[in-house]
Amino acid sequence: MAHARQLDDGEAMALAIAQSRGWTLATDDRKAITVASSVGVITCGTSGLVKRWVDTAAVEEPEIRAALLRIKHRARYLPGLRDPLFSWWMGYLPDDFGILTSRRGKILFHDRTPTPAALSPAAPPQGDPNDA
C-alpha cells in the first residue's frame, strides 16, 4: 500500500477497496485521482455521477436543475472549468448564475444562487433580491 502514505486515510482505504475489487473509485480529490490512475483504478467524480444519474433515470429538467443547485449550495461544489462535463453542468443552471473566473481558470463566484427554500423542483429559481 504505497499509496496509503500519499493520501488521507479515507481516500487510501477507498482506493485500496476499489483496487482489490476492480471497482471504480468515486472521488473529486486530485491527489487520489492521480494515485488511482497510477495503479490502474478508474475514477469518477461528482459531475460524472450526476450525469450518469441523469442518463439512466427518468429525470425532468427542473429536477436536474434543483439537484445541481442543491449540490452547489449544500456541498459548495461546481465542476472545474477543465472538467469535461463543465458545459453540460452549467447548461442546467439559471442564466443569471453569474460565474466569474480568474486568469488561471479558478472559478470565482458572483453568487446569485436561489435560497434553499427555492430549491424544490416545483419552485422556479428566484433572482437576486438586490436587483429590485
Foldseek 3Di string as FASTA:
>chain_A
DVCCVVDDNVLVVQLVVCLVVVHEREDPDPSSCVVSVVSPHHYDYPLRVLVVCPVPDVDDLLRSQLVLLCCCVVVVDQDFPPPPCNVVSVVSYDPVQAWDADPVRHIDGPGQFADNVQSDSVHDGDGDPVVD
